[in-house]
Structure formats: C-alpha cells, structure tokens
Protein backbone atom coordinates (compact mmCIF):
# COMPACT_ATOMS: atom_id res chain seq x y z
CA MET A 1 88.89 112.69 87.34
CA THR A 2 92.37 111.05 87.47
CA GLN A 3 92.67 108.01 89.91
CA PRO A 4 94.76 108.45 92.99
CA VAL A 5 97.94 106.47 92.97
CA ILE A 6 97.41 105.38 96.64
CA TRP A 7 94.08 104.98 98.78
CA LEU A 8 94.24 105.54 102.29
CA GLY A 9 90.86 104.87 104.44
CA VAL A 10 89.89 105.18 107.64
CA SER A 11 87.20 103.16 109.52
CA LEU A 12 86.02 105.07 113.21
CA LYS A 13 84.14 101.88 114.02
CA MET A 14 82.61 102.78 117.32
CA TYR A 15 85.74 104.21 119.05
CA PHE A 16 84.70 107.96 118.68
CA GLY A 17 81.24 109.84 120.30
CA TYR A 18 79.73 112.02 118.22
CA GLN A 19 81.68 115.24 119.17
CA GLN A 20 84.54 113.43 119.06
CA THR A 21 84.04 112.29 115.57
CA LEU A 22 83.46 115.88 114.29
CA GLN A 23 86.57 117.16 116.11
CA TRP A 24 88.65 114.45 114.72
CA CYS A 25 86.95 115.01 111.17
CA ARG A 26 87.67 118.60 111.36
CA GLU A 27 91.50 118.11 111.91
CA VAL A 28 91.59 115.51 108.97
CA ALA A 29 89.59 118.17 106.58
CA ALA A 30 92.32 120.63 108.09
CA LEU A 31 94.96 118.41 106.89
CA ALA A 32 93.29 117.63 103.66
CA ARG A 33 93.36 121.28 102.57
CA GLN A 34 96.74 121.81 103.33
CA HIS A 35 98.47 118.47 102.01
CA PRO A 36 99.60 118.73 98.43
CA ALA A 37 99.42 115.45 97.55
CA ILE A 38 95.62 114.86 98.42
CA GLN A 39 94.90 118.20 96.78
CA GLN A 40 96.57 116.84 93.88
CA GLY A 41 94.73 113.56 93.53
CA GLU A 42 98.10 111.63 94.28
CA ILE A 43 96.14 110.09 97.82
CA GLY A 44 92.86 109.53 97.83
CA LEU A 45 91.49 109.51 101.13
CA PHE A 46 88.12 108.13 102.64
CA ILE A 47 86.68 108.09 106.22
CA LEU A 48 83.67 105.80 107.44
CA PRO A 49 82.49 107.18 110.41
CA SER A 50 79.10 106.02 112.35
CA PHE A 51 75.96 106.84 110.76
CA PRO A 52 74.29 109.38 112.82
CA ALA A 53 77.71 111.62 112.25
CA ILE A 54 77.63 111.45 108.28
CA PRO A 55 75.36 114.75 108.01
CA ALA A 56 77.89 116.71 109.91
CA VAL A 57 80.80 114.76 108.57
CA ALA A 58 79.45 115.88 104.87
CA GLU A 59 79.58 119.72 105.78
CA ILE A 60 82.87 119.40 107.41
CA PHE A 61 84.53 117.63 104.37
CA HIS A 62 82.57 119.93 102.00
CA GLY A 63 85.14 121.51 99.64
CA THR A 64 87.95 118.79 100.31
CA PRO A 65 88.89 115.75 98.22
CA VAL A 66 87.99 113.42 101.23
CA ARG A 67 85.28 111.09 100.45
CA PHE A 68 82.98 109.82 102.98
CA GLY A 69 80.88 106.42 103.45
CA GLY A 70 79.01 104.03 105.76
CA GLN A 71 80.47 101.43 107.82
CA ASN A 72 77.62 98.98 106.49
CA ILE A 73 74.63 99.01 104.39
CA CYS A 74 71.14 97.18 104.38
CA GLN A 75 71.14 94.12 101.80
CA ALA A 76 67.40 95.37 100.74
CA GLU A 77 66.47 98.12 99.01
CA ASN A 78 64.02 99.60 101.29
CA GLY A 79 61.09 98.21 103.73
CA ALA A 80 60.69 96.65 107.03
CA TRP A 81 64.24 96.26 107.77
CA THR A 82 64.11 98.09 111.89
CA GLY A 83 67.55 99.53 112.60
CA GLU A 84 68.86 99.07 108.96
CA VAL A 85 70.07 102.20 106.59
CA SER A 86 69.81 101.62 102.78
CA ALA A 87 72.25 102.42 100.27
CA SER A 88 69.89 104.88 98.81
CA THR A 89 69.90 106.71 101.92
CA LEU A 90 73.46 106.71 102.17
CA GLN A 91 73.85 107.85 98.67
CA GLU A 92 71.13 110.75 99.21
CA LEU A 93 73.46 112.00 102.49
CA GLY A 94 76.05 112.43 100.33
CA GLY A 95 78.35 108.90 100.85
CA THR A 96 80.22 107.64 97.92
CA LEU A 97 81.67 104.36 99.70
CA ALA A 98 80.00 101.22 101.72
CA GLU A 99 82.20 99.06 103.72
CA ILE A 100 80.94 95.72 103.44
CA GLY A 101 81.51 92.18 104.91
CA HIS A 102 84.08 93.49 107.77
CA ALA A 103 85.47 90.22 109.84
CA GLU A 104 83.09 91.81 112.78
CA ARG A 105 79.90 92.01 111.01
CA ARG A 106 80.46 88.54 109.90
CA ARG A 107 81.40 87.07 113.61
CA TYR A 108 79.19 89.19 115.48
CA PHE A 109 76.12 89.53 113.10
CA ASN A 110 76.45 86.46 111.32
CA GLU A 111 76.46 87.97 107.81
CA ASP A 112 77.00 85.18 105.25
CA ALA A 113 77.99 85.20 101.61
CA THR A 114 74.29 85.80 100.17
CA GLN A 115 73.85 88.77 102.50
CA ILE A 116 77.14 90.33 101.48
CA ALA A 117 76.42 89.69 97.92
CA ALA A 118 73.36 91.59 98.40
CA LYS A 119 75.19 94.30 99.91
CA VAL A 120 77.51 94.87 97.15
CA ALA A 121 74.67 94.94 94.36
CA GLN A 122 73.01 97.58 96.70
CA ALA A 123 76.31 99.40 96.73
CA LEU A 124 76.80 99.41 93.15
CA THR A 125 73.29 99.99 92.15
CA HIS A 126 73.75 103.19 94.03
CA GLY A 127 76.81 104.51 92.65
CA LEU A 128 78.40 103.66 95.96
CA THR A 129 82.15 102.17 95.93
CA PRO A 130 81.85 98.78 97.92
CA VAL A 131 84.95 98.65 100.48
CA LEU A 132 85.16 95.07 100.44
CA CYS A 133 86.39 93.23 103.51
CA ILE A 134 87.64 89.84 102.79
CA GLY A 135 90.27 87.63 104.55
CA GLU A 136 91.34 84.39 105.79
CA ALA A 137 90.38 83.46 109.59
CA MET A 138 93.59 81.59 110.33
CA PRO A 139 97.38 81.74 109.17
CA GLY A 140 98.53 79.71 106.28
CA SER A 141 100.50 80.35 103.30
CA PRO A 142 99.94 83.15 100.80
CA GLN A 143 98.90 80.71 98.15
CA GLN A 144 95.83 79.33 100.59
CA ALA A 145 95.03 82.99 101.21
CA ILE A 146 95.00 83.91 97.71
CA ALA A 147 92.77 80.89 96.82
CA LEU A 148 90.37 81.32 99.76
CA CYS A 149 89.96 85.29 99.25
CA GLU A 150 89.36 84.34 95.40
CA GLN A 151 86.50 82.30 96.33
CA GLN A 152 85.13 85.01 98.81
CA PHE A 153 85.64 87.71 95.90
CA ALA A 154 83.51 85.55 93.53
CA GLU A 155 80.84 84.79 96.04
CA ALA A 156 80.56 88.57 97.14
CA LEU A 157 80.34 89.31 93.37
CA ALA A 158 78.02 86.72 92.26
CA GLN A 159 74.68 89.20 92.58
CA ALA A 160 76.49 92.17 90.67
CA VAL A 161 77.60 89.75 87.80
CA ALA A 162 73.93 88.57 87.51
CA GLN A 163 72.58 92.04 87.34
CA GLN A 164 75.08 93.21 84.95
CA LEU A 165 76.42 95.80 87.31
CA GLN A 166 79.51 98.17 86.85
CA GLY A 167 81.77 99.79 89.43
CA GLU A 168 85.05 99.81 91.10
CA ILE A 169 85.62 97.76 94.43
CA LEU A 170 88.07 98.65 96.83
CA PHE A 171 89.10 95.02 98.16
CA ALA A 172 90.18 95.56 101.61
CA TYR A 173 92.57 92.42 102.42
CA GLU A 174 92.39 91.93 106.06
CA PRO A 175 93.39 88.73 107.40
CA GLN A 176 91.00 88.12 110.44
CA TRP A 177 93.57 87.13 112.83
CA ALA A 178 95.53 90.40 112.51
CA ILE A 179 92.50 92.45 113.19
CA GLY A 180 93.18 94.28 116.20
CA ALA A 181 96.68 92.47 116.86
CA PRO A 182 99.58 94.48 118.08
CA GLN A 183 101.31 94.16 114.45
CA PRO A 184 100.20 93.74 110.99
CA ALA A 185 100.88 90.41 109.49
CA PRO A 186 104.74 89.91 108.14
CA ASP A 187 105.55 92.29 105.28
CA SER A 188 106.32 89.33 103.11
CA TYR A 189 102.93 87.65 103.62
CA ILE A 190 100.94 90.71 103.11
CA ARG A 191 103.20 91.66 99.84
CA ALA A 192 102.91 88.04 98.37
CA VAL A 193 98.88 87.90 99.14
CA CYS A 194 98.12 91.26 98.02
CA ALA A 195 100.30 91.03 94.73
CA GLY A 196 98.12 88.01 93.84
CA LEU A 197 94.99 89.57 94.36
CA GLN A 198 96.00 92.53 92.21
CA GLN A 199 96.01 90.09 89.33
CA LEU A 200 92.57 88.36 89.80
CA ALA A 201 90.20 88.70 87.27
CA THR A 202 86.97 90.40 87.50
CA PRO A 203 83.95 90.50 85.43
CA PRO A 204 83.30 93.04 82.61
CA GLY A 205 83.00 96.41 83.85
CA ILE A 206 83.85 95.76 87.64
CA SER A 207 87.54 96.72 88.39
CA HIS A 208 89.13 96.52 91.69
CA ARG A 209 91.93 97.88 93.83
CA VAL A 210 93.70 96.22 96.43
CA ILE A 211 94.22 97.81 100.03
CA TYR A 212 95.55 96.15 103.16
CA GLY A 213 93.67 96.29 106.69
CA GLY A 214 94.41 94.54 109.91
CA SER A 215 96.32 96.53 112.40
CA ALA A 216 97.76 98.90 109.61
CA GLY A 217 99.83 101.80 110.86
CA PRO A 218 102.77 104.35 110.23
CA GLY A 219 105.75 102.75 108.37
CA LEU A 220 104.01 100.09 106.91
CA ILE A 221 102.69 101.41 103.17
CA GLN A 222 106.76 101.99 102.23
CA ARG A 223 107.17 98.67 103.24
CA LEU A 224 104.45 97.08 101.10
CA GLY A 225 105.27 99.28 98.20
CA GLY A 226 103.91 98.44 94.85
CA ASP A 227 102.37 95.04 95.94
CA VAL A 228 99.35 97.08 97.25
CA ASP A 229 97.06 99.73 96.43
CA GLY A 230 96.99 101.47 99.73
CA LEU A 231 95.87 100.85 103.41
CA PHE A 232 92.62 100.25 105.28
CA LEU A 233 93.48 101.99 108.58
CA GLY A 234 91.87 101.44 111.93
CA ARG A 235 92.86 102.76 115.33
CA PHE A 236 96.58 103.75 114.28
CA ALA A 237 94.81 106.79 112.35
CA HIS A 238 92.61 107.60 114.81
CA ASP A 239 95.51 109.95 116.36
CA THR A 240 95.69 112.73 113.24
CA ALA A 241 99.63 113.03 114.01
CA ALA A 242 99.76 109.31 112.83
CA LEU A 243 97.31 109.81 109.86
CA LYS A 244 99.47 112.65 108.63
CA ARG A 245 102.70 110.54 109.09
CA ILE A 246 100.96 107.78 107.01
CA ILE A 247 99.80 110.22 104.32
CA ASP A 248 103.43 111.89 104.09
CA GLU A 249 104.74 108.23 103.45
CA ALA A 250 102.23 107.34 100.94
CA SER A 251 102.99 110.58 99.05
CA THR A 252 106.73 109.78 99.19
CA LEU A 253 105.92 106.53 97.60
CA ALA A 254 103.72 107.77 95.11
CA GLN A 255 106.01 110.54 93.80
CA ALA A 256 108.90 107.88 93.63
CA GLY A 257 106.61 106.11 91.04
CA ALA A 258 106.69 102.78 93.20
CA LEU A 259 103.20 102.10 92.50
C-alpha cells in the first residue's frame, strides 16, 4: 500500500458523548468517501474516539480508507488491570493505532517513561501504529526542544528495541505549553523542531513520521510545508467543515509536491 503523503489525525478526547461521536464519524465517513485525496491515498486520515464507541465506529468507517484506534492502551498484555484496555483487544476490534504518552496522561495519570515504553512495545507487538506524543513542557529554543524530544523518543523505544520489534511510529510533536492554547506554537518554531525531528535516527526495523499537534487548525499545514508530515488535530477538527478545510489544504500541499 502506498504511504500517504500527509497524515491527519483527530483525537476526540472526551468532548463527545456516544451518539455525538457516531454522528460526527458518519459525517467524516461521508467526507472520506467523497474526497479524492483520501480515496487516492494522498491524505491518510485517522480517528481516535473513546473506547466504548470503537465497535460502532468500526462499522461506520468500514469500506473507507479512514483508520481508527484508541486514545490509550494498557502497558500489560493481560491480567488484573481493572479498567484498562489491552492492545490485543484494540486490535481485535479492528483498531490500527494507539495514542501513547499524551501530556494529559502524563500530567493527570502520572504516566512515566517506563510505562510509555511498555505501551509502545505492546502496540508494536500487536501490529498497532503508536501515535507517540512527545514535547517539552516550557518554551525554549528549537534546539533545546529537539534534544529533549530525542531523549524522550529514545526512552519510549527502549523496550521495543530490547525486544527487536518493528513497525512505524507516528511521532506527534506536541509542545505541552501549546496544547489547548488559543494559537499553536509559532510557525518558525514548529518548522525548526519538526525538521530536526524528521532527521532523528531510528533503530533497525522502526521508521517514524513527524506530525504536529497542539492547537493545530485550519491554515497551519500549508504554512508548515515540508517540515512536517501532517497534523494531529483536536478541538479545531470537531467541526467537520473545519476538518474538510484542513483536508483540502493538505491535498493542495500534497499535489504541489511540497512534501
């Protein structure tokens, strides 16, 4: 299968209820069926709903190129982990991606580097693409951000490397200070950091693409150009009209050969 030129992902977090999630997904599925860039594989689109909606979401996106996955997975294979969802269960439901290490999980659930590394290994073991969220807590220089992200990336891959696992990772660069902000980080800053992250060396058998998240919305993908492989969208894509605009912008960029 040809790799998409640009990846666009949407996390619904816990903004929508069950029926609202399904209605939004129906609108996105209709958009995906009609949009040439998605149908032709130029734009890769993935959706991360809440876990209870995944079986219904799988039916809605059946027959479309849209991929879906979970906003988290357990660091263990199975067992006495009350309230958790395993990578194998997500795979069994048809999910192909797992978001790992989001800043909110680190902050509110005290996820540390060891847990995140275990989750990355679980995802790769079960054929899931990790959407690995990494980013600095406070603004600084692009060079400082790149160095910190490189360290976090190495820590997150530690168990996968030890187990000689293979697969692709979507590296979601999300400066924590930009998440939920009115505006994303400055364009020049994002471009510098993402360009540096694209050059990171990865272990044998593991590849990575760099997508930007953190108050990403319409207009941003064209301003970032070839320094980023896509966007990880939040609330700005919860309006399907805004999502269509972003897909149109990404399609124009892909066709122009900017990436």
